[in-house]
């Protein structure tokens, strides 16, 4: 039961729940904006807006993956997963980043097709719609980015990037449509070029998001600042005379620590064991989002 969970696991579960709720709000926003974009693109004769709406529909699906990842990552450790389920969060982020590349390629292919195919120019009424969409997406992207930084979540960071890239494609569509409307006949493909440009930018940013997700899946060490903080807390525990190895890795919304401490070699095993527990308790109670600590005790030489 959640009430029986240790404080550090309960805190991780709470972070997962709050993150999942924010992702659900993003799903609702994307669903509404996708409908508006597709309707505006069809009736306003602009492929850039249709492509933008298609990306928002994809975001509904990918956000659902992220939401599922948080629901799984928030589960406490069990017999089959003694270190918890944190890997579900970067795994969801990895799936989202990969699907984004597929969608970007599909949108780019259609944009190129329309660039070489004569078609009707866009309607000016799509411009105020796009302006409102850009404003909404920038606001939500910043909110989600702040939440991702607070929770230490790769998936939320990628979700924030998704909303930001959506704002970028909408802004590019706005510019392209404005050029097509102002230029008149002969400039109909301007919004298609805008969609193609946005695809290139999204693909470039997607590489960064993919690297972050892969880095966490490969057990990359936590930043030096986190390791230094772990060392400082452990060194401050009474009975710890020195530190040896200290390994910290991120697992979803939490950190896992493996640390070697040196104590007086003339003390009893029971005393050394008590010191190790104090180190473990101090790290679990710290604000570093640590959910598992392995402490090895070595004598001072």
C-alpha atoms as a PDB file:
ATOM      1  CA  UNK A   1       0.000   0.000   0.000  1.00  0.00           C
ATOM      2  CA  UNK A   2       1.271   3.564  -0.754  1.00  0.00           C
ATOM      3  CA  UNK A   3       0.987   4.477   2.952  1.00  0.00           C
ATOM      4  CA  UNK A   4       3.425   1.655   3.838  1.00  0.00           C
ATOM      5  CA  UNK A   5       6.095   2.818   1.385  1.00  0.00           C
ATOM      6  CA  UNK A   6       9.381   4.256   2.685  1.00  0.00           C
ATOM      7  CA  UNK A   7       9.485   8.053   2.419  1.00  0.00           C
ATOM      8  CA  UNK A   8      11.978   8.065  -0.481  1.00  0.00           C
ATOM      9  CA  UNK A   9       9.840   5.677  -2.566  1.00  0.00           C
ATOM     10  CA  UNK A  10       6.662   7.591  -1.715  1.00  0.00           C
ATOM     11  CA  UNK A  11       8.325  10.830  -2.863  1.00  0.00           C
ATOM     12  CA  UNK A  12       9.352   9.217  -6.162  1.00  0.00           C
ATOM     13  CA  UNK A  13       5.826   7.896  -6.658  1.00  0.00           C
ATOM     14  CA  UNK A  14       4.423  11.369  -6.007  1.00  0.00           C
ATOM     15  CA  UNK A  15       6.762  12.874  -8.624  1.00  0.00           C
ATOM     16  CA  UNK A  16       5.607  10.250 -11.129  1.00  0.00           C
ATOM     17  CA  UNK A  17       1.936  11.015 -10.421  1.00  0.00           C
ATOM     18  CA  UNK A  18       2.357  14.775 -10.748  1.00  0.00           C
ATOM     19  CA  UNK A  19       4.297  14.313 -13.995  1.00  0.00           C
ATOM     20  CA  UNK A  20       1.628  11.962 -15.358  1.00  0.00           C
ATOM     21  CA  UNK A  21      -1.111  14.508 -14.598  1.00  0.00           C
ATOM     22  CA  UNK A  22       0.777  17.194 -16.492  1.00  0.00           C
ATOM     23  CA  UNK A  23       1.218  14.854 -19.471  1.00  0.00           C
ATOM     24  CA  UNK A  24      -2.556  14.207 -19.471  1.00  0.00           C
ATOM     25  CA  UNK A  25      -3.166  17.959 -19.712  1.00  0.00           C
ATOM     26  CA  UNK A  26      -0.771  18.035 -22.648  1.00  0.00           C
ATOM     27  CA  UNK A  27      -2.720  15.229 -24.340  1.00  0.00           C
ATOM     28  CA  UNK A  28      -5.944  17.224 -24.003  1.00  0.00           C
ATOM     29  CA  UNK A  29      -4.268  20.358 -25.378  1.00  0.00           C
ATOM     30  CA  UNK A  30      -2.795  18.478 -28.351  1.00  0.00           C
ATOM     31  CA  UNK A  31      -6.147  16.859 -29.164  1.00  0.00           C
ATOM     32  CA  UNK A  32      -7.908  20.242 -29.285  1.00  0.00           C
ATOM     33  CA  UNK A  33      -5.122  21.913 -31.274  1.00  0.00           C
ATOM     34  CA  UNK A  34      -4.888  18.990 -33.722  1.00  0.00           C
ATOM     35  CA  UNK A  35      -8.601  19.369 -34.533  1.00  0.00           C
ATOM     36  CA  UNK A  36      -8.220  23.128 -35.019  1.00  0.00           C
ATOM     37  CA  UNK A  37      -5.114  22.758 -37.182  1.00  0.00           C
ATOM     38  CA  UNK A  38      -6.540  20.049 -39.420  1.00  0.00           C
ATOM     39  CA  UNK A  39      -9.794  21.962 -39.885  1.00  0.00           C
ATOM     40  CA  UNK A  40      -7.893  25.174 -40.601  1.00  0.00           C
ATOM     41  CA  UNK A  41      -5.526  23.392 -42.978  1.00  0.00           C
ATOM     42  CA  UNK A  42      -8.317  21.696 -44.953  1.00  0.00           C
ATOM     43  CA  UNK A  43     -10.600  24.721 -45.239  1.00  0.00           C
ATOM     44  CA  UNK A  44      -7.717  27.193 -45.492  1.00  0.00           C
ATOM     45  CA  UNK A  45      -5.903  25.231 -48.234  1.00  0.00           C
ATOM     46  CA  UNK A  46      -2.544  25.048 -46.420  1.00  0.00           C
ATOM     47  CA  UNK A  47      -0.495  21.874 -46.140  1.00  0.00           C
ATOM     48  CA  UNK A  48       1.790  23.445 -43.526  1.00  0.00           C
ATOM     49  CA  UNK A  49      -1.167  23.590 -41.153  1.00  0.00           C
ATOM     50  CA  UNK A  50      -2.274  20.053 -42.058  1.00  0.00           C
ATOM     51  CA  UNK A  51       1.268  18.822 -41.375  1.00  0.00           C
ATOM     52  CA  UNK A  52       1.231  20.705 -38.093  1.00  0.00           C
ATOM     53  CA  UNK A  53      -2.074  19.071 -37.159  1.00  0.00           C
ATOM     54  CA  UNK A  54      -0.705  15.652 -38.057  1.00  0.00           C
ATOM     55  CA  UNK A  55       2.229  16.227 -35.723  1.00  0.00           C
ATOM     56  CA  UNK A  56      -0.179  17.175 -32.930  1.00  0.00           C
ATOM     57  CA  UNK A  57      -2.108  13.938 -33.499  1.00  0.00           C
ATOM     58  CA  UNK A  58       1.168  12.034 -33.226  1.00  0.00           C
ATOM     59  CA  UNK A  59       1.925  13.935 -30.027  1.00  0.00           C
ATOM     60  CA  UNK A  60      -1.343  12.644 -28.538  1.00  0.00           C
ATOM     61  CA  UNK A  61      -0.126   9.094 -29.124  1.00  0.00           C
ATOM     62  CA  UNK A  62       3.450   9.693 -27.946  1.00  0.00           C
ATOM     63  CA  UNK A  63       2.223  11.560 -24.861  1.00  0.00           C
ATOM     64  CA  UNK A  64       0.099   8.531 -24.034  1.00  0.00           C
ATOM     65  CA  UNK A  65       3.311   6.476 -24.144  1.00  0.00           C
ATOM     66  CA  UNK A  66       4.998   8.918 -21.776  1.00  0.00           C
ATOM     67  CA  UNK A  67       1.978   8.827 -19.445  1.00  0.00           C
ATOM     68  CA  UNK A  68       2.174   5.022 -19.372  1.00  0.00           C
ATOM     69  CA  UNK A  69       5.909   5.258 -18.679  1.00  0.00           C
ATOM     70  CA  UNK A  70       5.294   7.456 -15.643  1.00  0.00           C
ATOM     71  CA  UNK A  71       2.584   5.145 -14.348  1.00  0.00           C
ATOM     72  CA  UNK A  72       4.989   2.203 -14.527  1.00  0.00           C
ATOM     73  CA  UNK A  73       8.011   4.165 -13.241  1.00  0.00           C
ATOM     74  CA  UNK A  74       6.044   5.194 -10.154  1.00  0.00           C
ATOM     75  CA  UNK A  75       5.647   1.621  -8.963  1.00  0.00           C
ATOM     76  CA  UNK A  76       7.777   0.635  -5.940  1.00  0.00           C
ATOM     77  CA  UNK A  77      10.416  -2.134  -6.158  1.00  0.00           C
ATOM     78  CA  UNK A  78       9.168  -5.725  -6.199  1.00  0.00           C
ATOM     79  CA  UNK A  79      10.626  -9.225  -6.407  1.00  0.00           C
ATOM     80  CA  UNK A  80      11.143  -9.006 -10.169  1.00  0.00           C
ATOM     81  CA  UNK A  81      12.402  -5.392 -10.132  1.00  0.00           C
ATOM     82  CA  UNK A  82      14.435  -4.917  -6.922  1.00  0.00           C
ATOM     83  CA  UNK A  83      15.737  -1.524  -8.091  1.00  0.00           C
ATOM     84  CA  UNK A  84      12.280  -0.263  -9.003  1.00  0.00           C
ATOM     85  CA  UNK A  85      10.676   0.455 -12.384  1.00  0.00           C
ATOM     86  CA  UNK A  86      12.452   3.729 -13.162  1.00  0.00           C
ATOM     87  CA  UNK A  87      13.724   2.547 -16.537  1.00  0.00           C
ATOM     88  CA  UNK A  88      10.161   2.759 -17.882  1.00  0.00           C
ATOM     89  CA  UNK A  89      10.493   6.546 -17.983  1.00  0.00           C
ATOM     90  CA  UNK A  90      13.577   6.832 -20.288  1.00  0.00           C
ATOM     91  CA  UNK A  91      12.245   3.872 -22.308  1.00  0.00           C
ATOM     92  CA  UNK A  92       9.072   5.858 -23.026  1.00  0.00           C
ATOM     93  CA  UNK A  93      11.220   8.881 -23.913  1.00  0.00           C
ATOM     94  CA  UNK A  94      13.241   6.730 -26.322  1.00  0.00           C
ATOM     95  CA  UNK A  95      10.076   5.500 -28.047  1.00  0.00           C
ATOM     96  CA  UNK A  96       8.759   9.050 -28.369  1.00  0.00           C
ATOM     97  CA  UNK A  97      12.007  10.355 -29.878  1.00  0.00           C
ATOM     98  CA  UNK A  98      12.095   7.467 -32.382  1.00  0.00           C
ATOM     99  CA  UNK A  99       8.465   7.952 -33.479  1.00  0.00           C
ATOM    100  CA  UNK A 100       9.105  11.650 -33.980  1.00  0.00           C
ATOM    101  CA  UNK A 101      11.700  10.885 -36.647  1.00  0.00           C
ATOM    102  CA  UNK A 102       9.186   8.740 -38.531  1.00  0.00           C
ATOM    103  CA  UNK A 103       6.546  11.483 -38.437  1.00  0.00           C
ATOM    104  CA  UNK A 104       9.068  14.115 -39.503  1.00  0.00           C
ATOM    105  CA  UNK A 105      10.077  12.020 -42.519  1.00  0.00           C
ATOM    106  CA  UNK A 106       6.432  11.541 -43.533  1.00  0.00           C
ATOM    107  CA  UNK A 107       5.646  15.264 -43.280  1.00  0.00           C
ATOM    108  CA  UNK A 108       8.832  16.191 -45.197  1.00  0.00           C
ATOM    109  CA  UNK A 109       7.986  13.778 -48.023  1.00  0.00           C
ATOM    110  CA  UNK A 110       4.522  15.306 -48.474  1.00  0.00           C
ATOM    111  CA  UNK A 111       5.906  18.840 -48.266  1.00  0.00           C
ATOM    112  CA  UNK A 112       8.359  18.109 -51.088  1.00  0.00           C
ATOM    113  CA  UNK A 113       5.544  16.567 -53.134  1.00  0.00           C
ATOM    114  CA  UNK A 114       3.443  19.721 -52.801  1.00  0.00           C
ATOM    115  CA  UNK A 115       6.373  22.017 -53.578  1.00  0.00           C
ATOM    116  CA  UNK A 116       6.658  20.452 -57.040  1.00  0.00           C
ATOM    117  CA  UNK A 117       2.879  20.137 -57.515  1.00  0.00           C
ATOM    118  CA  UNK A 118       0.814  23.244 -58.363  1.00  0.00           C
ATOM    119  CA  UNK A 119      -1.992  23.838 -55.857  1.00  0.00           C
ATOM    120  CA  UNK A 120      -4.272  26.504 -54.419  1.00  0.00           C
ATOM    121  CA  UNK A 121      -2.709  29.089 -52.099  1.00  0.00           C
ATOM    122  CA  UNK A 122      -3.559  29.336 -48.370  1.00  0.00           C
ATOM    123  CA  UNK A 123      -6.276  31.571 -46.918  1.00  0.00           C
ATOM    124  CA  UNK A 124      -5.335  34.551 -44.738  1.00  0.00           C
ATOM    125  CA  UNK A 125      -7.794  33.479 -41.983  1.00  0.00           C
ATOM    126  CA  UNK A 126      -5.380  30.725 -40.917  1.00  0.00           C
ATOM    127  CA  UNK A 127      -2.901  33.341 -39.658  1.00  0.00           C
ATOM    128  CA  UNK A 128      -4.714  34.435 -36.448  1.00  0.00           C
ATOM    129  CA  UNK A 129      -5.404  30.768 -35.675  1.00  0.00           C
ATOM    130  CA  UNK A 130      -1.698  29.973 -35.913  1.00  0.00           C
ATOM    131  CA  UNK A 131      -0.755  32.973 -33.767  1.00  0.00           C
ATOM    132  CA  UNK A 132      -3.000  31.708 -30.958  1.00  0.00           C
ATOM    133  CA  UNK A 133      -1.614  28.170 -31.303  1.00  0.00           C
ATOM    134  CA  UNK A 134       1.999  29.373 -31.092  1.00  0.00           C
ATOM    135  CA  UNK A 135       1.243  31.340 -27.908  1.00  0.00           C
ATOM    136  CA  UNK A 136      -0.496  28.357 -26.263  1.00  0.00           C
ATOM    137  CA  UNK A 137       2.287  25.939 -27.163  1.00  0.00           C
ATOM    138  CA  UNK A 138       5.107  28.208 -25.940  1.00  0.00           C
ATOM    139  CA  UNK A 139       3.331  28.678 -22.608  1.00  0.00           C
ATOM    140  CA  UNK A 140       2.743  24.948 -22.079  1.00  0.00           C
ATOM    141  CA  UNK A 141       6.261  24.026 -23.233  1.00  0.00           C
ATOM    142  CA  UNK A 142       7.822  26.332 -20.646  1.00  0.00           C
ATOM    143  CA  UNK A 143       5.560  24.978 -17.920  1.00  0.00           C
ATOM    144  CA  UNK A 144       6.441  21.378 -18.757  1.00  0.00           C
ATOM    145  CA  UNK A 145      10.166  22.181 -19.035  1.00  0.00           C
ATOM    146  CA  UNK A 146      10.117  23.625 -15.511  1.00  0.00           C
ATOM    147  CA  UNK A 147       8.257  20.548 -14.236  1.00  0.00           C
ATOM    148  CA  UNK A 148      10.770  18.241 -15.946  1.00  0.00           C
ATOM    149  CA  UNK A 149      13.713  20.075 -14.359  1.00  0.00           C
ATOM    150  CA  UNK A 150      12.065  19.861 -10.936  1.00  0.00           C
ATOM    151  CA  UNK A 151      11.314  16.143 -11.242  1.00  0.00           C
ATOM    152  CA  UNK A 152      14.605  15.285 -12.958  1.00  0.00           C
ATOM    153  CA  UNK A 153      12.661  13.645 -15.775  1.00  0.00           C
ATOM    154  CA  UNK A 154      14.090  12.946 -19.238  1.00  0.00           C
ATOM    155  CA  UNK A 155      10.619  12.085 -20.564  1.00  0.00           C
ATOM    156  CA  UNK A 156       9.077  15.356 -19.365  1.00  0.00           C
ATOM    157  CA  UNK A 157      12.005  17.228 -20.890  1.00  0.00           C
ATOM    158  CA  UNK A 158      11.355  15.544 -24.241  1.00  0.00           C
ATOM    159  CA  UNK A 159       7.628  16.262 -23.881  1.00  0.00           C
ATOM    160  CA  UNK A 160       8.489  19.938 -23.298  1.00  0.00           C
ATOM    161  CA  UNK A 161      10.680  19.815 -26.392  1.00  0.00           C
ATOM    162  CA  UNK A 162       7.761  18.294 -28.327  1.00  0.00           C
ATOM    163  CA  UNK A 163       5.468  21.160 -27.376  1.00  0.00           C
ATOM    164  CA  UNK A 164       8.245  23.613 -28.210  1.00  0.00           C
ATOM    165  CA  UNK A 165       8.830  21.995 -31.609  1.00  0.00           C
ATOM    166  CA  UNK A 166       5.083  22.145 -32.225  1.00  0.00           C
ATOM    167  CA  UNK A 167       5.252  25.886 -31.572  1.00  0.00           C
ATOM    168  CA  UNK A 168       8.174  26.039 -34.006  1.00  0.00           C
ATOM    169  CA  UNK A 169       6.293  24.258 -36.796  1.00  0.00           C
ATOM    170  CA  UNK A 170       3.289  26.525 -36.216  1.00  0.00           C
ATOM    171  CA  UNK A 171       5.514  29.601 -36.333  1.00  0.00           C
ATOM    172  CA  UNK A 172       7.137  28.366 -39.541  1.00  0.00           C
ATOM    173  CA  UNK A 173       3.693  27.719 -41.008  1.00  0.00           C
ATOM    174  CA  UNK A 174       2.641  31.252 -40.006  1.00  0.00           C
ATOM    175  CA  UNK A 175       5.614  32.755 -41.837  1.00  0.00           C
ATOM    176  CA  UNK A 176       5.109  30.574 -44.896  1.00  0.00           C
ATOM    177  CA  UNK A 177       1.386  31.306 -45.116  1.00  0.00           C
ATOM    178  CA  UNK A 178       1.999  35.030 -44.614  1.00  0.00           C
ATOM    179  CA  UNK A 179       4.479  35.013 -47.506  1.00  0.00           C
ATOM    180  CA  UNK A 180       2.075  33.021 -49.705  1.00  0.00           C
ATOM    181  CA  UNK A 181      -0.837  35.369 -48.924  1.00  0.00           C
ATOM    182  CA  UNK A 182       1.241  38.509 -49.443  1.00  0.00           C
ATOM    183  CA  UNK A 183       2.958  37.196 -52.587  1.00  0.00           C
ATOM    184  CA  UNK A 184      -0.210  35.968 -54.258  1.00  0.00           C
ATOM    185  CA  UNK A 185      -0.068  33.879 -57.400  1.00  0.00           C
ATOM    186  CA  UNK A 186       3.219  32.034 -57.814  1.00  0.00           C
ATOM    187  CA  UNK A 187       3.944  31.941 -54.071  1.00  0.00           C
ATOM    188  CA  UNK A 188       1.530  29.121 -53.168  1.00  0.00           C
ATOM    189  CA  UNK A 189       4.360  26.757 -52.154  1.00  0.00           C
ATOM    190  CA  UNK A 190       5.762  29.123 -49.503  1.00  0.00           C
ATOM    191  CA  UNK A 191       3.905  27.353 -46.687  1.00  0.00           C
ATOM    192  CA  UNK A 192       5.140  23.975 -47.974  1.00  0.00           C
ATOM    193  CA  UNK A 193       8.727  25.246 -47.781  1.00  0.00           C
ATOM    194  CA  UNK A 194       7.951  26.389 -44.246  1.00  0.00           C
ATOM    195  CA  UNK A 195       6.776  22.893 -43.308  1.00  0.00           C
ATOM    196  CA  UNK A 196       9.949  21.404 -44.812  1.00  0.00           C
ATOM    197  CA  UNK A 197      12.161  23.843 -42.891  1.00  0.00           C
ATOM    198  CA  UNK A 198      10.390  23.034 -39.627  1.00  0.00           C
ATOM    199  CA  UNK A 199      10.940  19.309 -40.259  1.00  0.00           C
ATOM    200  CA  UNK A 200      14.686  19.874 -40.573  1.00  0.00           C
ATOM    201  CA  UNK A 201      14.846  21.797 -37.302  1.00  0.00           C
ATOM    202  CA  UNK A 202      12.744  19.192 -35.471  1.00  0.00           C
ATOM    203  CA  UNK A 203      14.930  16.349 -36.770  1.00  0.00           C
ATOM    204  CA  UNK A 204      18.065  18.165 -35.586  1.00  0.00           C
ATOM    205  CA  UNK A 205      16.620  18.729 -32.108  1.00  0.00           C
ATOM    206  CA  UNK A 206      15.349  15.153 -32.070  1.00  0.00           C
ATOM    207  CA  UNK A 207      18.925  13.870 -32.214  1.00  0.00           C
ATOM    208  CA  UNK A 208      19.643  15.659 -28.925  1.00  0.00           C
ATOM    209  CA  UNK A 209      16.515  14.205 -27.296  1.00  0.00           C
ATOM    210  CA  UNK A 210      17.405  10.713 -28.525  1.00  0.00           C
ATOM    211  CA  UNK A 211      20.938  10.991 -27.117  1.00  0.00           C
ATOM    212  CA  UNK A 212      19.576  11.948 -23.679  1.00  0.00           C
ATOM    213  CA  UNK A 213      17.220   8.966 -23.586  1.00  0.00           C
ATOM    214  CA  UNK A 214      19.939   6.556 -24.771  1.00  0.00           C
ATOM    215  CA  UNK A 215      22.390   7.990 -22.252  1.00  0.00           C
ATOM    216  CA  UNK A 216      20.099   7.147 -19.341  1.00  0.00           C
ATOM    217  CA  UNK A 217      19.323   3.694 -20.717  1.00  0.00           C
ATOM    218  CA  UNK A 218      23.085   2.992 -20.877  1.00  0.00           C
ATOM    219  CA  UNK A 219      23.640   3.813 -17.156  1.00  0.00           C
ATOM    220  CA  UNK A 220      25.629   6.967 -17.793  1.00  0.00           C
ATOM    221  CA  UNK A 221      27.002   8.412 -14.565  1.00  0.00           C
ATOM    222  CA  UNK A 222      25.077  11.197 -12.870  1.00  0.00           C
ATOM    223  CA  UNK A 223      26.497  14.735 -13.223  1.00  0.00           C
ATOM    224  CA  UNK A 224      29.588  15.500 -11.068  1.00  0.00           C
ATOM    225  CA  UNK A 225      27.528  17.900  -8.940  1.00  0.00           C
ATOM    226  CA  UNK A 226      25.268  15.016  -7.839  1.00  0.00           C
ATOM    227  CA  UNK A 227      28.222  12.738  -7.036  1.00  0.00           C
ATOM    228  CA  UNK A 228      29.932  15.526  -5.072  1.00  0.00           C
ATOM    229  CA  UNK A 229      26.748  16.091  -3.067  1.00  0.00           C
ATOM    230  CA  UNK A 230      26.529  12.357  -2.302  1.00  0.00           C
ATOM    231  CA  UNK A 231      30.161  12.338  -1.151  1.00  0.00           C
ATOM    232  CA  UNK A 232      29.618  15.395   1.046  1.00  0.00           C
ATOM    233  CA  UNK A 233      26.619  13.820   2.796  1.00  0.00           C
ATOM    234  CA  UNK A 234      28.375  10.488   3.338  1.00  0.00           C
ATOM    235  CA  UNK A 235      31.578  12.126   4.604  1.00  0.00           C
ATOM    236  CA  UNK A 236      29.563  14.061   7.170  1.00  0.00           C
ATOM    237  CA  UNK A 237      28.181  10.933   8.843  1.00  0.00           C
ATOM    238  CA  UNK A 238      29.801  10.289  12.249  1.00  0.00           C
ATOM    239  CA  UNK A 239      32.239   7.373  12.088  1.00  0.00           C
ATOM    240  CA  UNK A 240      33.111   7.816   8.413  1.00  0.00           C
ATOM    241  CA  UNK A 241      36.815   8.653   8.209  1.00  0.00           C
ATOM    242  CA  UNK A 242      37.227   8.675   4.433  1.00  0.00           C
ATOM    243  CA  UNK A 243      35.533   7.744   1.182  1.00  0.00           C
ATOM    244  CA  UNK A 244      36.660   5.427  -1.569  1.00  0.00           C
ATOM    245  CA  UNK A 245      34.525   4.620  -4.615  1.00  0.00           C
ATOM    246  CA  UNK A 246      31.283   6.440  -5.269  1.00  0.00           C
ATOM    247  CA  UNK A 247      29.094   5.559  -8.228  1.00  0.00           C
ATOM    248  CA  UNK A 248      25.807   7.330  -8.917  1.00  0.00           C
ATOM    249  CA  UNK A 249      23.489   6.621 -11.833  1.00  0.00           C
ATOM    250  CA  UNK A 250      20.084   7.926 -12.756  1.00  0.00           C
ATOM    251  CA  UNK A 251      17.160   5.529 -13.087  1.00  0.00           C
ATOM    252  CA  UNK A 252      14.034   7.308 -14.274  1.00  0.00           C
ATOM    253  CA  UNK A 253      12.970   9.788 -11.617  1.00  0.00           C
ATOM    254  CA  UNK A 254      15.535   8.731  -9.022  1.00  0.00           C
ATOM    255  CA  UNK A 255      19.234   8.029  -8.426  1.00  0.00           C
ATOM    256  CA  UNK A 256      20.927   4.771  -7.400  1.00  0.00           C
ATOM    257  CA  UNK A 257      24.120   4.963  -5.314  1.00  0.00           C
ATOM    258  CA  UNK A 258      26.979   2.523  -4.722  1.00  0.00           C
ATOM    259  CA  UNK A 259      29.530   3.928  -2.244  1.00  0.00           C
ATOM    260  CA  UNK A 260      32.569   2.654  -0.294  1.00  0.00           C
ATOM    261  CA  UNK A 261      33.283   4.236   3.100  1.00  0.00           C
ATOM    262  CA  UNK A 262      36.338   3.813   5.328  1.00  0.00           C
ATOM    263  CA  UNK A 263      35.988   3.420   9.091  1.00  0.00           C
ATOM    264  CA  UNK A 264      38.262   2.662  12.031  1.00  0.00           C
ATOM    265  CA  UNK A 265      39.472  -0.883  11.448  1.00  0.00           C
ATOM    266  CA  UNK A 266      39.663  -1.618  15.184  1.00  0.00           C
ATOM    267  CA  UNK A 267      35.894  -1.200  15.638  1.00  0.00           C
ATOM    268  CA  UNK A 268      33.550  -4.180  15.813  1.00  0.00           C
ATOM    269  CA  UNK A 269      31.657  -5.428  12.792  1.00  0.00           C
ATOM    270  CA  UNK A 270      28.439  -4.332  14.511  1.00  0.00           C
ATOM    271  CA  UNK A 271      29.728  -0.748  14.804  1.00  0.00           C
ATOM    272  CA  UNK A 272      30.807  -0.683  11.153  1.00  0.00           C
ATOM    273  CA  UNK A 273      27.405  -2.025  10.170  1.00  0.00           C
ATOM    274  CA  UNK A 274      25.682   0.746  12.143  1.00  0.00           C
ATOM    275  CA  UNK A 275      27.814   3.396  10.424  1.00  0.00           C
ATOM    276  CA  UNK A 276      26.878   1.969   7.019  1.00  0.00           C
ATOM    277  CA  UNK A 277      23.186   2.220   7.920  1.00  0.00           C
ATOM    278  CA  UNK A 278      23.617   5.832   9.004  1.00  0.00           C
ATOM    279  CA  UNK A 279      25.214   6.617   5.632  1.00  0.00           C
ATOM    280  CA  UNK A 280      22.366   4.878   3.837  1.00  0.00           C
ATOM    281  CA  UNK A 281      19.690   6.677   5.845  1.00  0.00           C
ATOM    282  CA  UNK A 282      21.358  10.067   5.375  1.00  0.00           C
ATOM    283  CA  UNK A 283      21.470   9.639   1.586  1.00  0.00           C
ATOM    284  CA  UNK A 284      17.893   8.349   1.327  1.00  0.00           C
ATOM    285  CA  UNK A 285      16.658  11.307   3.386  1.00  0.00           C
ATOM    286  CA  UNK A 286      18.570  13.836   1.246  1.00  0.00           C
ATOM    287  CA  UNK A 287      16.884  15.956  -1.470  1.00  0.00           C
ATOM    288  CA  UNK A 288      18.893  14.149  -4.186  1.00  0.00           C
ATOM    289  CA  UNK A 289      16.005  11.815  -5.187  1.00  0.00           C
ATOM    290  CA  UNK A 290      17.910   8.677  -4.115  1.00  0.00           C
ATOM    291  CA  UNK A 291      15.862   5.476  -3.811  1.00  0.00           C
ATOM    292  CA  UNK A 292      18.564   2.818  -3.421  1.00  0.00           C
ATOM    293  CA  UNK A 293      21.956   2.933  -1.629  1.00  0.00           C
ATOM    294  CA  UNK A 294      24.546   0.166  -1.417  1.00  0.00           C
ATOM    295  CA  UNK A 295      27.251   0.905   1.210  1.00  0.00           C
ATOM    296  CA  UNK A 296      30.494  -1.090   1.401  1.00  0.00           C
ATOM    297  CA  UNK A 297      32.577  -0.674   4.568  1.00  0.00           C
ATOM    298  CA  UNK A 298      36.388  -0.838   4.442  1.00  0.00           C
ATOM    299  CA  UNK A 299      38.925  -0.383   7.265  1.00  0.00           C
ATOM    300  CA  UNK A 300      41.326   2.535   7.348  1.00  0.00           C
ATOM    301  CA  UNK A 301      44.909   1.384   6.663  1.00  0.00           C
END
